[in-house]
Protein backbone atom coordinates (compact mmCIF):
# COMPACT_ATOMS: atom_id res chain seq x y z
CA MET A 1 0.00 0.00 0.00
CA ILE A 2 1.28 3.45 -0.86
CA LEU A 3 0.16 6.34 1.33
CA LYS A 4 0.74 9.78 -0.13
CA VAL A 5 0.77 12.77 2.22
CA CYS A 6 0.52 16.29 0.87
CA ILE A 7 3.38 18.67 1.57
CA GLY A 8 1.92 21.59 -0.38
CA SER A 9 1.75 25.07 1.15
CA ALA A 10 -1.54 24.75 3.06
CA CYS A 11 -0.73 21.26 4.37
CA HIS A 12 2.79 22.34 5.28
CA ILE A 13 1.34 25.10 7.45
CA LYS A 14 -1.03 22.56 9.05
CA GLY A 15 1.86 20.28 10.02
CA SER A 16 2.42 17.85 7.17
CA TYR A 17 6.05 17.25 8.11
CA ASP A 18 5.05 16.39 11.68
CA VAL A 19 2.35 14.05 10.37
CA ILE A 20 4.90 12.36 8.09
CA LYS A 21 7.35 12.01 10.97
CA ILE A 22 4.68 10.41 13.18
CA ILE A 23 3.55 8.02 10.44
CA THR A 24 7.16 7.07 9.71
CA GLY A 25 7.62 6.26 13.40
CA ILE A 26 4.49 4.11 13.46
CA ILE A 27 5.58 2.20 10.35
CA GLU A 28 9.04 1.56 11.82
CA ASN A 29 7.89 0.73 15.35
CA GLU A 30 5.28 -1.74 14.14
CA GLY A 31 7.44 -3.35 11.44
CA LEU A 32 5.16 -2.31 8.59
CA GLU A 33 7.92 -1.28 6.18
CA LYS A 34 7.07 -4.06 3.72
CA LEU A 35 3.34 -3.30 3.84
CA VAL A 36 3.17 0.51 3.79
CA GLU A 37 5.20 2.86 1.64
CA LEU A 38 4.97 6.52 2.58
CA LYS A 39 5.43 9.18 -0.08
CA ALA A 40 5.14 12.96 -0.10
CA CYS A 41 3.09 14.62 -2.81
CA PHE A 42 1.90 18.08 -3.71
CA CYS A 43 -1.59 19.50 -3.58
CA LEU A 44 -4.49 17.08 -3.41
CA ASN A 45 -7.01 19.94 -3.68
CA ASN A 46 -8.36 19.44 -0.18
CA CYS A 47 -6.79 22.43 1.52
CA THR A 48 -9.41 23.20 4.16
CA ASP A 49 -9.67 20.13 6.37
CA GLY A 50 -6.15 19.31 7.55
CA VAL A 51 -3.10 17.55 6.17
CA SER A 52 -4.42 15.71 3.13
CA ALA A 53 -3.51 12.14 2.27
CA VAL A 54 -4.60 9.51 -0.21
CA ILE A 55 -4.00 5.81 -0.62
CA GLU A 56 -2.65 5.27 -4.13
CA GLY A 57 -5.32 3.79 -6.37
CA GLU A 58 -8.20 5.11 -4.28
CA GLU A 59 -10.18 8.30 -4.79
CA LYS A 60 -11.07 9.03 -1.18
CA LEU A 61 -9.04 11.73 0.55
CA TYR A 62 -8.20 11.64 4.23
CA SER A 63 -7.29 14.50 6.55
CA PHE A 64 -4.76 14.09 9.32
CA SER A 65 -3.57 16.36 12.11
CA ARG A 66 -0.78 16.03 14.65
CA GLU A 67 -3.42 15.18 17.22
CA ASN A 68 -5.31 12.47 15.33
CA VAL A 69 -2.68 10.87 13.07
CA GLU A 70 -2.06 7.81 15.27
CA GLU A 71 -5.75 6.99 15.64
CA LYS A 72 -6.52 7.62 11.98
CA PHE A 73 -3.52 5.57 10.84
CA LYS A 74 -4.85 2.68 12.89
CA ASP A 75 -8.40 3.07 11.55
CA ILE A 76 -7.56 3.73 7.91
CA ILE A 77 -4.25 2.02 7.15
CA LYS A 78 -3.80 -0.82 9.61
CA GLU A 79 -7.41 -1.88 9.06
CA ARG A 80 -6.58 -2.58 5.40
CA ILE A 81 -3.26 -4.36 5.81
CA LEU A 82 -3.70 -6.59 8.84
């Protein structure tokens, strides 16, 4: 699974680099490196809700924040791979 997280201007201001750092930590700590690939991307045209992300091959956009990234990663990503 490839998870793309926006690092465009609006998402950068909302903490995209912190979100990426937290997700990277989760992937490493839980040994998910072979199951989840994390990539940065530019604008996903969802600039109002939070740090935007998309699973490659899907149309649905997700919004993360520093505060909810761990819970949302569990609900959205881990749910699909485990």
